[in-house]
Amino acid sequence: MESQRRVFTAEERSRLRSSLLEFAASDPRVSGAAITGSAANDSEDRWSDVDLAFGVRNADVGEVLSDWTARMYDDHLALHHIDVRAGAWIYRVFLLADSLQVDLAFVAEAEFRALAPTFRLMHGEAKEPAYAPAPSSANLIGMGWLYALHARSSIARRKL
């Protein structure tokens, strides 16, 4: 009988986040590290993911991202990742075998700053915050309908 995979625990999530922050503190290319998302304002729940942001000094962000990606696969058994770009930031989103999502955001030191109130600097320095304006409710609802209809059509067409 095949064993069932279990879902991550809050303690495992916390240990992984701490491990990544310790690694960031030891990486001389990282000028600053921050916890972002729900953990930054102590509003995590059972299903929260790991969200971290890093400033990169005197190094190619792509090279640092490549090294960290290898670490996520080798040490933390990542199954897959995708990149999301937002301005100068690259968010590398990893999926782990226990269904934990780990979002690691990298940007050049000159751009390292809070983009939202959910930013807790853990080490290093950050520039003055530059919060993006919140999207309108109408836009969010419209995008939700758009993606729901697209998902329905894809399922009906049997297109993954």
Protein backbone atom coordinates (compact mmCIF):
# COMPACT_ATOMS: atom_id res chain seq x y z
CA MET A 1 0.00 0.00 0.00
CA GLU A 2 1.38 3.36 -1.00
CA SER A 3 1.97 5.74 1.86
CA GLN A 4 0.01 8.96 1.86
CA ARG A 5 1.84 12.25 1.82
CA ARG A 6 0.96 14.47 4.68
CA VAL A 7 0.49 18.20 4.65
CA PHE A 8 3.06 20.46 6.33
CA THR A 9 2.62 21.53 9.93
CA ALA A 10 2.93 25.06 11.29
CA GLU A 11 6.12 24.00 13.10
CA GLU A 12 7.68 22.66 9.88
CA ARG A 13 6.77 25.89 8.09
CA SER A 14 8.35 27.93 10.86
CA ARG A 15 11.54 25.83 10.85
CA LEU A 16 11.89 26.19 7.09
CA ARG A 17 11.39 29.96 7.26
CA SER A 18 14.02 30.21 10.02
CA SER A 19 16.44 28.07 8.02
CA LEU A 20 16.06 30.28 4.95
CA LEU A 21 16.54 33.44 7.02
CA GLU A 22 19.68 31.97 8.61
CA PHE A 23 21.02 31.12 5.16
CA ALA A 24 20.27 34.67 3.99
CA ALA A 25 22.20 36.10 6.95
CA SER A 26 25.20 33.98 5.97
CA ASP A 27 25.05 34.82 2.23
CA PRO A 28 27.27 37.89 1.70
CA ARG A 29 25.33 38.77 -1.45
CA VAL A 30 22.12 39.34 0.56
CA SER A 31 21.93 42.91 1.85
CA GLY A 32 18.61 42.53 3.60
CA ALA A 33 15.93 39.98 4.39
CA ALA A 34 12.30 40.44 5.32
CA ILE A 35 9.34 38.31 6.22
CA THR A 36 6.38 39.30 4.09
CA GLY A 37 2.79 38.15 3.83
CA SER A 38 0.68 36.95 6.72
CA ALA A 39 3.64 36.06 8.97
CA ALA A 40 4.83 39.68 8.87
CA ASN A 41 1.81 40.85 10.85
CA ASP A 42 1.22 37.67 12.88
CA SER A 43 -1.90 36.65 10.95
CA GLU A 44 -0.75 33.24 9.71
CA ASP A 45 -3.23 30.42 9.71
CA ARG A 46 -2.90 26.68 9.15
CA TRP A 47 -2.67 27.10 5.36
CA SER A 48 -0.33 30.10 5.12
CA ASP A 49 2.74 29.78 2.96
CA VAL A 50 6.27 31.10 3.46
CA ASP A 51 6.88 34.57 2.04
CA LEU A 52 10.36 36.09 2.18
CA ALA A 53 12.01 39.02 0.40
CA PHE A 54 15.72 39.60 -0.17
CA GLY A 55 17.84 42.51 -1.33
CA VAL A 56 20.88 41.58 -3.41
CA ARG A 57 24.09 43.61 -3.24
CA ASN A 58 26.94 43.73 -5.73
CA ALA A 59 25.85 40.57 -7.50
CA ASP A 60 23.69 39.48 -10.37
CA VAL A 61 20.19 38.82 -9.04
CA GLY A 62 19.82 35.96 -11.54
CA GLU A 63 22.94 34.25 -10.21
CA VAL A 64 21.77 34.54 -6.60
CA LEU A 65 18.33 33.28 -7.60
CA SER A 66 19.92 30.30 -9.36
CA ASP A 67 21.94 29.38 -6.26
CA TRP A 68 18.92 29.69 -3.98
CA THR A 69 16.85 27.62 -6.40
CA ALA A 70 19.41 24.80 -6.28
CA ARG A 71 19.26 24.97 -2.49
CA MET A 72 15.45 24.72 -2.50
CA TYR A 73 15.61 21.59 -4.67
CA ASP A 74 18.59 19.97 -2.96
CA ASP A 75 17.94 20.80 0.70
CA HIS A 76 14.18 21.34 0.83
CA LEU A 77 13.04 18.92 -1.88
CA ALA A 78 11.13 21.41 -4.02
CA LEU A 79 9.01 19.72 -6.68
CA HIS A 80 8.46 22.66 -9.03
CA HIS A 81 8.77 26.41 -9.28
CA ILE A 82 7.47 29.32 -11.33
CA ASP A 83 8.54 32.93 -11.57
CA VAL A 84 6.28 35.94 -11.13
CA ARG A 85 7.74 39.32 -12.06
CA ALA A 86 6.53 42.60 -10.63
CA GLY A 87 8.60 45.62 -11.58
CA ALA A 88 12.21 45.01 -10.55
CA TRP A 89 11.23 42.09 -8.29
CA ILE A 90 11.40 38.40 -9.19
CA TYR A 91 9.18 36.17 -7.04
CA ARG A 92 10.25 32.55 -7.34
CA VAL A 93 7.36 30.42 -6.12
CA PHE A 94 8.24 26.87 -5.04
CA LEU A 95 5.94 23.95 -4.33
CA LEU A 96 7.21 21.38 -1.83
CA ALA A 97 6.11 17.75 -1.53
CA ASP A 98 4.11 18.46 1.64
CA SER A 99 2.06 21.11 -0.29
CA LEU A 100 3.88 24.04 1.31
CA GLN A 101 4.31 26.99 -1.03
CA VAL A 102 7.50 29.03 -0.55
CA ASP A 103 7.69 32.46 -2.20
CA LEU A 104 11.18 33.94 -2.36
CA ALA A 105 11.34 37.48 -3.74
CA PHE A 106 14.64 38.96 -4.94
CA VAL A 107 15.52 42.48 -6.01
CA ALA A 108 18.65 44.61 -6.31
CA GLU A 109 19.67 46.32 -3.06
CA ALA A 110 18.70 49.75 -4.42
CA GLU A 111 15.08 48.57 -4.81
CA PHE A 112 14.76 46.53 -1.59
CA ARG A 113 11.83 48.03 0.30
CA ALA A 114 8.38 47.32 1.64
CA LEU A 115 5.77 47.27 -1.09
CA ALA A 116 2.95 46.59 1.37
CA PRO A 117 2.38 46.89 5.12
CA THR A 118 3.12 43.15 5.44
CA PHE A 119 6.90 43.56 5.49
CA ARG A 120 9.00 42.85 8.59
CA LEU A 121 12.73 43.52 8.14
CA MET A 122 14.75 40.73 9.76
CA HIS A 123 18.27 41.87 8.93
CA GLY A 124 20.07 44.40 6.80
CA GLU A 125 18.61 47.63 5.53
CA ALA A 126 15.61 48.54 3.41
CA LYS A 127 14.82 51.71 1.51
CA GLU A 128 11.75 53.80 2.34
CA PRO A 129 8.50 51.89 1.73
CA ALA A 130 6.72 52.39 -1.59
CA TYR A 131 3.27 50.85 -1.20
CA ALA A 132 1.43 50.07 -4.40
CA PRO A 133 -2.13 51.34 -4.56
CA ALA A 134 -4.73 48.69 -3.75
CA PRO A 135 -6.68 47.47 -6.77
CA SER A 136 -10.33 48.46 -6.91
CA SER A 137 -12.97 45.97 -5.82
CA ALA A 138 -14.50 46.09 -9.29
CA ASN A 139 -11.19 45.15 -10.89
CA LEU A 140 -10.64 42.25 -8.48
CA ILE A 141 -14.16 40.93 -9.05
CA GLY A 142 -13.74 41.28 -12.80
CA MET A 143 -10.44 39.37 -12.79
CA GLY A 144 -12.00 36.67 -10.58
CA TRP A 145 -14.84 36.17 -13.06
CA LEU A 146 -12.43 36.20 -16.00
CA TYR A 147 -10.23 33.46 -14.50
CA ALA A 148 -13.21 31.40 -13.28
CA LEU A 149 -14.72 31.41 -16.78
CA HIS A 150 -11.35 30.56 -18.34
CA ALA A 151 -10.88 27.66 -15.92
CA ARG A 152 -14.40 26.36 -16.67
CA SER A 153 -13.78 26.51 -20.44
CA SER A 154 -10.42 24.76 -20.10
CA ILE A 155 -11.96 21.98 -18.01
CA ALA A 156 -14.85 21.55 -20.47
CA ARG A 157 -12.34 21.36 -23.34
CA ARG A 158 -10.20 18.91 -21.36
CA LYS A 159 -7.23 21.25 -21.76
CA LEU A 160 -4.88 21.24 -18.83
